[in-house]
Amino acid sequence: MSLLSENDSLFLIIDIQEKLINAAFNKEIISKNSKILAQTSKILGLPVIITEQYPKGLGDTVSEIKDNIGADVEVYEKNTFSALDNDDIRNALKNKKRKQVVLFGIETHICVSQTAQALLEDGYDVFVIANACGSRDETEYEFGLERIKCAGGKIITVEIALFELLRGAKHPHFKEIQSLIK
């Protein structure tokens, strides 16, 4: 099993939009943790791809992400469940030339799960942040994570991701990242 590498990973944020997050059973946790991850991507300079499912009807990406994300971000509108069914998103991933995808968003059992499975089929190493994912229903969420795990995805948490990316207290951004979770 591999650990996350700061030089080989990117964040793929799936549909954390106004109407979708408000319907999630765990919206407070998603909101808090997606902000931490957005700040982390900015601090570490990690590339980020954001998807928005039908934003005209479901709203834009939430401010917790938009207001805290770094400069290396691309936002794509989609109307498919798997983000990789959108050629622009699939090409953006290829162009980043990174093999580890840190994946989180809404809904776990639909868009996150189908995206994770497509990424795995394309040979990516997929790390799903369980406590930055959500669904309307907790049972659907749990089964979505289980399906991803059975397909070969790695189910991790925000803190696991942060400390794998840092690898140690001597990382130049250790204190800054650590302060995000205190």
C-alpha atoms as a PDB file:
ATOM      1  CA  MET A   1       0.000   0.000   0.000  1.00  0.00           C
ATOM      2  CA  SER A   2       1.398   3.372  -0.947  1.00  0.00           C
ATOM      3  CA  LEU A   3       1.371   6.589   1.025  1.00  0.00           C
ATOM      4  CA  LEU A   4       0.358   9.898  -0.458  1.00  0.00           C
ATOM      5  CA  SER A   5       3.174  11.846  -2.061  1.00  0.00           C
ATOM      6  CA  GLU A   6       3.146  15.638  -2.182  1.00  0.00           C
ATOM      7  CA  ASN A   7       4.839  15.533  -5.601  1.00  0.00           C
ATOM      8  CA  ASP A   8       2.560  12.951  -7.189  1.00  0.00           C
ATOM      9  CA  SER A   9      -0.913  13.833  -5.892  1.00  0.00           C
ATOM     10  CA  LEU A  10      -3.743  16.161  -6.797  1.00  0.00           C
ATOM     11  CA  PHE A  11      -7.147  16.885  -5.273  1.00  0.00           C
ATOM     12  CA  LEU A  12     -10.330  16.082  -7.186  1.00  0.00           C
ATOM     13  CA  ILE A  13     -13.320  17.711  -5.496  1.00  0.00           C
ATOM     14  CA  ILE A  14     -16.661  16.326  -6.614  1.00  0.00           C
ATOM     15  CA  ASP A  15     -19.797  18.490  -6.537  1.00  0.00           C
ATOM     16  CA  ILE A  16     -19.540  20.159  -3.120  1.00  0.00           C
ATOM     17  CA  GLN A  17     -22.244  22.621  -4.096  1.00  0.00           C
ATOM     18  CA  GLU A  18     -24.782  24.639  -2.158  1.00  0.00           C
ATOM     19  CA  LYS A  19     -27.892  22.488  -2.624  1.00  0.00           C
ATOM     20  CA  LEU A  20     -26.056  19.178  -2.427  1.00  0.00           C
ATOM     21  CA  ILE A  21     -24.210  19.946   0.805  1.00  0.00           C
ATOM     22  CA  ASN A  22     -27.377  21.219   2.465  1.00  0.00           C
ATOM     23  CA  ALA A  23     -29.059  17.872   1.772  1.00  0.00           C
ATOM     24  CA  ALA A  24     -26.176  15.777   3.167  1.00  0.00           C
ATOM     25  CA  PHE A  25     -26.648  14.039   6.520  1.00  0.00           C
ATOM     26  CA  ASN A  26     -23.134  15.128   7.552  1.00  0.00           C
ATOM     27  CA  LYS A  27     -22.989  18.631   6.059  1.00  0.00           C
ATOM     28  CA  GLU A  28     -21.127  20.224   9.007  1.00  0.00           C
ATOM     29  CA  ILE A  29     -18.293  17.673   8.778  1.00  0.00           C
ATOM     30  CA  ILE A  30     -18.043  18.033   4.979  1.00  0.00           C
ATOM     31  CA  SER A  31     -17.983  21.819   5.278  1.00  0.00           C
ATOM     32  CA  LYS A  32     -15.264  21.839   7.957  1.00  0.00           C
ATOM     33  CA  ASN A  33     -13.058  19.225   6.311  1.00  0.00           C
ATOM     34  CA  SER A  34     -13.375  20.479   2.743  1.00  0.00           C
ATOM     35  CA  LYS A  35     -12.181  23.877   3.994  1.00  0.00           C
ATOM     36  CA  ILE A  36      -9.152  22.246   5.664  1.00  0.00           C
ATOM     37  CA  LEU A  37      -8.347  20.365   2.464  1.00  0.00           C
ATOM     38  CA  ALA A  38      -8.761  23.498   0.324  1.00  0.00           C
ATOM     39  CA  GLN A  39      -6.379  25.384   2.616  1.00  0.00           C
ATOM     40  CA  THR A  40      -3.922  22.486   2.503  1.00  0.00           C
ATOM     41  CA  SER A  41      -3.924  22.462  -1.303  1.00  0.00           C
ATOM     42  CA  LYS A  42      -3.137  26.176  -1.273  1.00  0.00           C
ATOM     43  CA  ILE A  43      -0.351  25.891   1.308  1.00  0.00           C
ATOM     44  CA  LEU A  44       1.306  22.944  -0.444  1.00  0.00           C
ATOM     45  CA  GLY A  45       0.631  24.197  -3.974  1.00  0.00           C
ATOM     46  CA  LEU A  46      -1.210  21.020  -4.976  1.00  0.00           C
ATOM     47  CA  PRO A  47      -3.189  21.018  -8.197  1.00  0.00           C
ATOM     48  CA  VAL A  48      -6.978  20.891  -7.751  1.00  0.00           C
ATOM     49  CA  ILE A  49      -9.765  19.937 -10.105  1.00  0.00           C
ATOM     50  CA  ILE A  50     -13.309  20.818  -9.040  1.00  0.00           C
ATOM     51  CA  THR A  51     -16.465  19.469 -10.632  1.00  0.00           C
ATOM     52  CA  GLU A  52     -19.912  21.010 -10.444  1.00  0.00           C
ATOM     53  CA  GLN A  53     -22.958  18.943 -11.293  1.00  0.00           C
ATOM     54  CA  TYR A  54     -25.498  21.098 -13.123  1.00  0.00           C
ATOM     55  CA  PRO A  55     -24.581  24.330 -11.266  1.00  0.00           C
ATOM     56  CA  LYS A  56     -27.553  26.220 -12.706  1.00  0.00           C
ATOM     57  CA  GLY A  57     -29.849  24.075 -10.588  1.00  0.00           C
ATOM     58  CA  LEU A  58     -27.587  22.904  -7.750  1.00  0.00           C
ATOM     59  CA  GLY A  59     -25.543  26.038  -7.131  1.00  0.00           C
ATOM     60  CA  ASP A  60     -21.834  26.773  -7.200  1.00  0.00           C
ATOM     61  CA  THR A  61     -19.040  25.189  -5.218  1.00  0.00           C
ATOM     62  CA  VAL A  62     -19.413  26.262  -1.580  1.00  0.00           C
ATOM     63  CA  SER A  63     -17.507  29.271  -0.251  1.00  0.00           C
ATOM     64  CA  GLU A  64     -15.545  27.128   2.234  1.00  0.00           C
ATOM     65  CA  ILE A  65     -13.695  25.769  -0.786  1.00  0.00           C
ATOM     66  CA  LYS A  66     -13.786  28.724  -3.199  1.00  0.00           C
ATOM     67  CA  ASP A  67     -12.491  31.188  -0.609  1.00  0.00           C
ATOM     68  CA  ASN A  68      -9.613  28.966   0.533  1.00  0.00           C
ATOM     69  CA  ILE A  69      -8.331  27.248  -2.599  1.00  0.00           C
ATOM     70  CA  GLY A  70      -4.986  27.946  -4.229  1.00  0.00           C
ATOM     71  CA  ALA A  71      -4.228  29.276  -7.697  1.00  0.00           C
ATOM     72  CA  ASP A  72      -3.717  25.888  -9.387  1.00  0.00           C
ATOM     73  CA  VAL A  73      -7.413  25.047  -9.700  1.00  0.00           C
ATOM     74  CA  GLU A  74      -9.615  24.118 -12.625  1.00  0.00           C
ATOM     75  CA  VAL A  75     -13.425  24.024 -12.393  1.00  0.00           C
ATOM     76  CA  TYR A  76     -15.527  21.907 -14.737  1.00  0.00           C
ATOM     77  CA  GLU A  77     -19.269  21.694 -15.141  1.00  0.00           C
ATOM     78  CA  LYS A  78     -20.584  18.193 -15.661  1.00  0.00           C
ATOM     79  CA  ASN A  79     -23.851  16.376 -16.107  1.00  0.00           C
ATOM     80  CA  THR A  80     -22.542  12.827 -15.822  1.00  0.00           C
ATOM     81  CA  PHE A  81     -22.120  10.927 -12.572  1.00  0.00           C
ATOM     82  CA  SER A  82     -18.529   9.872 -13.186  1.00  0.00           C
ATOM     83  CA  ALA A  83     -16.346  12.928 -13.666  1.00  0.00           C
ATOM     84  CA  LEU A  84     -14.263  10.899 -16.110  1.00  0.00           C
ATOM     85  CA  ASP A  85     -17.177  10.626 -18.505  1.00  0.00           C
ATOM     86  CA  ASN A  86     -16.411  14.280 -19.240  1.00  0.00           C
ATOM     87  CA  ASP A  87     -13.502  14.395 -21.720  1.00  0.00           C
ATOM     88  CA  ASP A  88     -12.333  17.800 -20.463  1.00  0.00           C
ATOM     89  CA  ILE A  89     -11.962  16.468 -16.921  1.00  0.00           C
ATOM     90  CA  ARG A  90     -10.290  13.262 -18.082  1.00  0.00           C
ATOM     91  CA  ASN A  91      -7.805  15.306 -20.146  1.00  0.00           C
ATOM     92  CA  ALA A  92      -7.165  17.741 -17.282  1.00  0.00           C
ATOM     93  CA  LEU A  93      -6.234  14.795 -15.065  1.00  0.00           C
ATOM     94  CA  LYS A  94      -3.864  13.400 -17.693  1.00  0.00           C
ATOM     95  CA  ASN A  95      -2.256  16.815 -18.204  1.00  0.00           C
ATOM     96  CA  LYS A  96      -1.432  17.101 -14.493  1.00  0.00           C
ATOM     97  CA  LYS A  97       0.819  14.026 -14.830  1.00  0.00           C
ATOM     98  CA  ARG A  98       0.122  12.856 -11.285  1.00  0.00           C
ATOM     99  CA  LYS A  99      -0.890   9.308 -10.411  1.00  0.00           C
ATOM    100  CA  GLN A 100      -2.412   9.812  -6.960  1.00  0.00           C
ATOM    101  CA  VAL A 101      -5.887  11.304  -6.818  1.00  0.00           C
ATOM    102  CA  VAL A 102      -7.202  12.529  -3.479  1.00  0.00           C
ATOM    103  CA  LEU A 103     -10.949  12.367  -3.998  1.00  0.00           C
ATOM    104  CA  PHE A 104     -13.775  13.807  -1.918  1.00  0.00           C
ATOM    105  CA  GLY A 105     -17.240  15.247  -2.381  1.00  0.00           C
ATOM    106  CA  ILE A 106     -20.933  14.559  -2.769  1.00  0.00           C
ATOM    107  CA  GLU A 107     -22.700  12.149  -3.245  1.00  0.00           C
ATOM    108  CA  THR A 108     -20.446   9.344  -2.074  1.00  0.00           C
ATOM    109  CA  HIS A 109     -22.527   6.496  -3.473  1.00  0.00           C
ATOM    110  CA  ILE A 110     -23.094   8.108  -6.874  1.00  0.00           C
ATOM    111  CA  CYS A 111     -20.627  10.632  -8.287  1.00  0.00           C
ATOM    112  CA  VAL A 112     -17.720   9.956  -5.928  1.00  0.00           C
ATOM    113  CA  SER A 113     -18.066   6.179  -6.281  1.00  0.00           C
ATOM    114  CA  GLN A 114     -18.411   6.175 -10.069  1.00  0.00           C
ATOM    115  CA  THR A 115     -15.504   8.620 -10.422  1.00  0.00           C
ATOM    116  CA  ALA A 116     -13.319   6.524  -8.105  1.00  0.00           C
ATOM    117  CA  GLN A 117     -14.024   3.380 -10.102  1.00  0.00           C
ATOM    118  CA  ALA A 118     -13.245   5.100 -13.403  1.00  0.00           C
ATOM    119  CA  LEU A 119      -9.990   6.484 -11.967  1.00  0.00           C
ATOM    120  CA  LEU A 120      -8.991   3.012 -10.784  1.00  0.00           C
ATOM    121  CA  GLU A 121      -9.761   1.581 -14.229  1.00  0.00           C
ATOM    122  CA  ASP A 122      -7.498   4.270 -15.731  1.00  0.00           C
ATOM    123  CA  GLY A 123      -4.636   3.230 -13.440  1.00  0.00           C
ATOM    124  CA  TYR A 124      -4.742   6.014 -10.861  1.00  0.00           C
ATOM    125  CA  ASP A 125      -4.058   5.421  -7.177  1.00  0.00           C
ATOM    126  CA  VAL A 126      -7.271   6.656  -5.513  1.00  0.00           C
ATOM    127  CA  PHE A 127      -7.470   7.997  -1.948  1.00  0.00           C
ATOM    128  CA  VAL A 128     -11.022   8.832  -0.849  1.00  0.00           C
ATOM    129  CA  ILE A 129     -11.336  11.160   2.143  1.00  0.00           C
ATOM    130  CA  ALA A 130     -14.230   9.571   4.047  1.00  0.00           C
ATOM    131  CA  ASN A 131     -14.805  12.501   6.391  1.00  0.00           C
ATOM    132  CA  ALA A 132     -14.970  14.976   3.502  1.00  0.00           C
ATOM    133  CA  CYS A 133     -17.572  12.955   1.578  1.00  0.00           C
ATOM    134  CA  GLY A 134     -21.294  12.838   2.055  1.00  0.00           C
ATOM    135  CA  SER A 135     -24.664  11.667   0.855  1.00  0.00           C
ATOM    136  CA  ARG A 136     -28.267  12.460   1.667  1.00  0.00           C
ATOM    137  CA  ASP A 137     -28.574   9.120   3.424  1.00  0.00           C
ATOM    138  CA  GLU A 138     -26.002   7.629   5.804  1.00  0.00           C
ATOM    139  CA  THR A 139     -26.565   4.056   4.619  1.00  0.00           C
ATOM    140  CA  GLU A 140     -25.965   5.069   0.990  1.00  0.00           C
ATOM    141  CA  TYR A 141     -22.785   6.869   2.110  1.00  0.00           C
ATOM    142  CA  GLU A 142     -21.471   3.797   3.933  1.00  0.00           C
ATOM    143  CA  PHE A 143     -22.197   1.463   1.031  1.00  0.00           C
ATOM    144  CA  GLY A 144     -20.615   3.931  -1.390  1.00  0.00           C
ATOM    145  CA  LEU A 145     -17.373   3.870   0.608  1.00  0.00           C
ATOM    146  CA  GLU A 146     -17.496   0.078   0.828  1.00  0.00           C
ATOM    147  CA  ARG A 147     -17.947  -0.201  -2.949  1.00  0.00           C
ATOM    148  CA  ILE A 148     -14.933   2.076  -3.536  1.00  0.00           C
ATOM    149  CA  LYS A 149     -12.843   0.047  -1.101  1.00  0.00           C
ATOM    150  CA  CYS A 150     -13.824  -3.238  -2.786  1.00  0.00           C
ATOM    151  CA  ALA A 151     -12.813  -1.761  -6.159  1.00  0.00           C
ATOM    152  CA  GLY A 152      -9.340  -0.949  -4.816  1.00  0.00           C
ATOM    153  CA  GLY A 153      -9.691   2.607  -3.559  1.00  0.00           C
ATOM    154  CA  LYS A 154      -8.025   3.598  -0.303  1.00  0.00           C
ATOM    155  CA  ILE A 155     -10.418   5.030   2.277  1.00  0.00           C
ATOM    156  CA  ILE A 156      -8.644   7.581   4.481  1.00  0.00           C
ATOM    157  CA  THR A 157      -9.419  10.641   6.615  1.00  0.00           C
ATOM    158  CA  VAL A 158      -8.369  14.260   6.466  1.00  0.00           C
ATOM    159  CA  GLU A 159      -5.661  13.824   9.089  1.00  0.00           C
ATOM    160  CA  ILE A 160      -4.276  10.706   7.426  1.00  0.00           C
ATOM    161  CA  ALA A 161      -4.009  12.646   4.155  1.00  0.00           C
ATOM    162  CA  LEU A 162      -2.396  15.702   5.728  1.00  0.00           C
ATOM    163  CA  PHE A 163       0.255  13.807   7.636  1.00  0.00           C
ATOM    164  CA  GLU A 164       1.075  11.499   4.729  1.00  0.00           C
ATOM    165  CA  LEU A 165       1.589  14.545   2.521  1.00  0.00           C
ATOM    166  CA  LEU A 166       3.845  16.140   5.158  1.00  0.00           C
ATOM    167  CA  ARG A 167       5.732  12.926   6.046  1.00  0.00           C
ATOM    168  CA  GLY A 168       7.267  14.529   9.130  1.00  0.00           C
ATOM    169  CA  ALA A 169       7.520  17.503  11.457  1.00  0.00           C
ATOM    170  CA  LYS A 170      10.510  18.848   9.506  1.00  0.00           C
ATOM    171  CA  HIS A 171       8.329  19.657   6.476  1.00  0.00           C
ATOM    172  CA  PRO A 172       8.538  23.434   5.896  1.00  0.00           C
ATOM    173  CA  HIS A 173       4.728  23.754   6.167  1.00  0.00           C
ATOM    174  CA  PHE A 174       4.211  21.376   9.102  1.00  0.00           C
ATOM    175  CA  LYS A 175       3.143  23.993  11.670  1.00  0.00           C
ATOM    176  CA  GLU A 176       0.893  25.792   9.204  1.00  0.00           C
ATOM    177  CA  ILE A 177      -0.894  22.555   8.218  1.00  0.00           C
ATOM    178  CA  GLN A 178      -1.042  21.309  11.811  1.00  0.00           C
ATOM    179  CA  SER A 179      -2.737  24.572  12.867  1.00  0.00           C
ATOM    180  CA  LEU A 180      -5.628  23.782  10.491  1.00  0.00           C
ATOM    181  CA  ILE A 181      -6.713  20.823  12.582  1.00  0.00           C
ATOM    182  CA  LYS A 182      -6.160  22.163  16.095  1.00  0.00           C
END
